[in-house]
Amino acid sequence: MAMGGYTAPGRTVLHTMVTTQFELDGFRVVRTLGVVRGIVVRSRSIFGTIGASLQTLVGGNITLLTNLCEKTRAEAFDLMLAHAAELGGNAVVGARYDATEVMQGVTEVLAYGTAVLVEPVK
């Protein structure tokens, strides 16, 4: 079954076809394809650690760590979308994130959900 205009070039699910809900408004699930995930394990560099430590002295948002976290989450999310497309999906429902410190200074970020094949409700 063709996925129509719901996948991006390079075979990945479009960001607009992902939801934390278990249904996607305006679409009906034709087939459930299974759990998909994207995992990124990242460590802080010594320079990032020193820079973040200096930022804590002034208080407020620790932008070095915020940017690192956002980049890591985005990479995990994109890997999840590629995994969904590999299974033949054009959407992901029930999307979630999880993070675990694997060892000091090393964090795993997991994006996961259920890959589905959807079609517009007529």
Protein backbone atom coordinates (compact mmCIF):
# COMPACT_ATOMS: atom_id res chain seq x y z
CA MET A 1 0.00 0.00 0.00
CA ALA A 2 1.44 3.40 -0.96
CA MET A 3 2.16 5.91 1.77
CA GLY A 4 1.15 8.92 -0.32
CA GLY A 5 2.36 12.34 0.81
CA TYR A 6 2.92 11.33 4.41
CA THR A 7 6.61 10.49 4.27
CA ALA A 8 9.53 12.83 3.74
CA PRO A 9 12.27 12.36 1.14
CA GLY A 10 14.75 9.73 2.30
CA ARG A 11 11.91 7.56 3.66
CA THR A 12 11.05 8.93 7.04
CA VAL A 13 7.72 9.74 8.66
CA LEU A 14 6.82 13.44 8.60
CA HIS A 15 6.89 15.23 11.98
CA THR A 16 3.26 16.23 11.42
CA MET A 17 2.30 12.53 11.39
CA VAL A 18 3.44 11.90 14.98
CA THR A 19 1.32 12.24 18.08
CA THR A 20 1.42 11.36 21.76
CA GLN A 21 -2.23 10.37 21.41
CA PHE A 22 -3.23 6.90 20.28
CA GLU A 23 -5.11 8.15 17.24
CA LEU A 24 -4.27 10.80 14.65
CA ASP A 25 -7.03 13.33 13.99
CA GLY A 26 -8.39 13.08 10.45
CA PHE A 27 -6.88 9.64 9.83
CA ARG A 28 -7.83 6.06 10.54
CA VAL A 29 -5.34 3.32 11.33
CA VAL A 30 -5.25 0.72 8.57
CA ARG A 31 -2.49 -1.41 10.09
CA THR A 32 -0.45 -1.41 13.30
CA LEU A 33 3.18 -2.26 12.53
CA GLY A 34 4.73 -2.43 15.99
CA VAL A 35 6.92 -0.54 18.42
CA VAL A 36 9.59 1.71 16.92
CA ARG A 37 12.45 3.44 18.65
CA GLY A 38 15.36 5.76 18.21
CA ILE A 39 18.22 5.58 20.70
CA VAL A 40 21.09 8.07 21.12
CA VAL A 41 23.78 7.74 23.79
CA ARG A 42 25.69 10.93 24.39
CA SER A 43 28.41 12.11 26.72
CA ARG A 44 29.37 15.64 27.62
CA SER A 45 32.76 16.84 26.50
CA ILE A 46 35.15 18.21 29.11
CA PHE A 47 34.70 21.67 27.55
CA GLY A 48 30.92 21.39 27.75
CA THR A 49 31.12 20.26 31.36
CA ILE A 50 33.39 23.17 32.30
CA GLY A 51 31.22 25.64 30.36
CA ALA A 52 28.03 24.35 31.99
CA SER A 53 29.68 24.53 35.42
CA LEU A 54 30.55 28.16 34.78
CA GLN A 55 26.98 28.89 33.67
CA THR A 56 25.66 27.47 36.97
CA LEU A 57 27.59 30.19 38.82
CA VAL A 58 25.38 32.89 37.30
CA GLY A 59 22.16 30.88 37.54
CA GLY A 60 19.34 30.64 35.05
CA ASN A 61 19.07 28.43 31.98
CA ILE A 62 22.17 26.32 31.37
CA THR A 63 22.11 26.86 27.60
CA LEU A 64 25.02 24.51 26.85
CA LEU A 65 23.17 21.60 28.40
CA THR A 66 19.78 22.70 27.05
CA ASN A 67 21.18 22.72 23.51
CA LEU A 68 22.86 19.34 24.02
CA CYS A 69 19.63 17.81 25.36
CA GLU A 70 17.54 19.27 22.55
CA LYS A 71 19.95 18.03 19.88
CA THR A 72 20.02 14.55 21.42
CA ARG A 73 16.22 14.35 21.64
CA ALA A 74 15.87 15.51 18.03
CA GLU A 75 18.31 12.83 16.84
CA ALA A 76 16.47 10.10 18.77
CA PHE A 77 13.12 11.35 17.39
CA ASP A 78 14.40 11.31 13.80
CA LEU A 79 15.78 7.78 14.24
CA MET A 80 12.35 6.68 15.50
CA LEU A 81 10.69 8.19 12.41
CA ALA A 82 13.15 6.43 10.08
CA HIS A 83 12.49 3.13 11.90
CA ALA A 84 8.72 3.61 11.41
CA ALA A 85 9.21 4.21 7.67
CA GLU A 86 11.41 1.10 7.42
CA LEU A 87 8.48 -0.94 8.75
CA GLY A 88 6.19 0.62 6.15
CA GLY A 89 4.53 3.13 8.45
CA ASN A 90 3.46 6.65 7.61
CA ALA A 91 2.65 7.75 11.17
CA VAL A 92 3.64 7.14 14.80
CA VAL A 93 1.12 7.16 17.64
CA GLY A 94 1.74 7.07 21.39
CA ALA A 95 5.13 8.78 20.97
CA ARG A 96 7.19 9.15 24.15
CA TYR A 97 10.71 9.98 25.36
CA ASP A 98 12.78 8.39 28.09
CA ALA A 99 16.27 9.21 29.35
CA THR A 100 18.61 7.18 31.51
CA GLU A 101 22.04 8.01 32.83
CA VAL A 102 24.07 4.97 31.72
CA MET A 103 27.15 6.10 33.65
CA GLN A 104 28.26 9.44 35.05
CA GLY A 105 28.19 11.98 32.24
CA VAL A 106 26.74 9.50 29.70
CA THR A 107 23.02 9.59 28.97
CA GLU A 108 20.81 7.45 26.77
CA VAL A 109 17.81 9.16 25.19
CA LEU A 110 15.09 6.93 23.78
CA ALA A 111 12.22 8.08 21.58
CA TYR A 112 9.57 5.40 21.07
CA GLY A 113 6.04 4.86 19.86
CA THR A 114 3.88 2.63 17.68
CA ALA A 115 4.34 2.71 13.91
CA VAL A 116 1.06 2.65 12.03
CA LEU A 117 -0.18 2.88 8.48
CA VAL A 118 -2.95 5.45 8.27
CA GLU A 119 -5.26 6.81 5.59
CA PRO A 120 -7.38 9.96 5.61
CA VAL A 121 -10.92 9.61 6.95
CA LYS A 122 -13.33 10.09 4.08
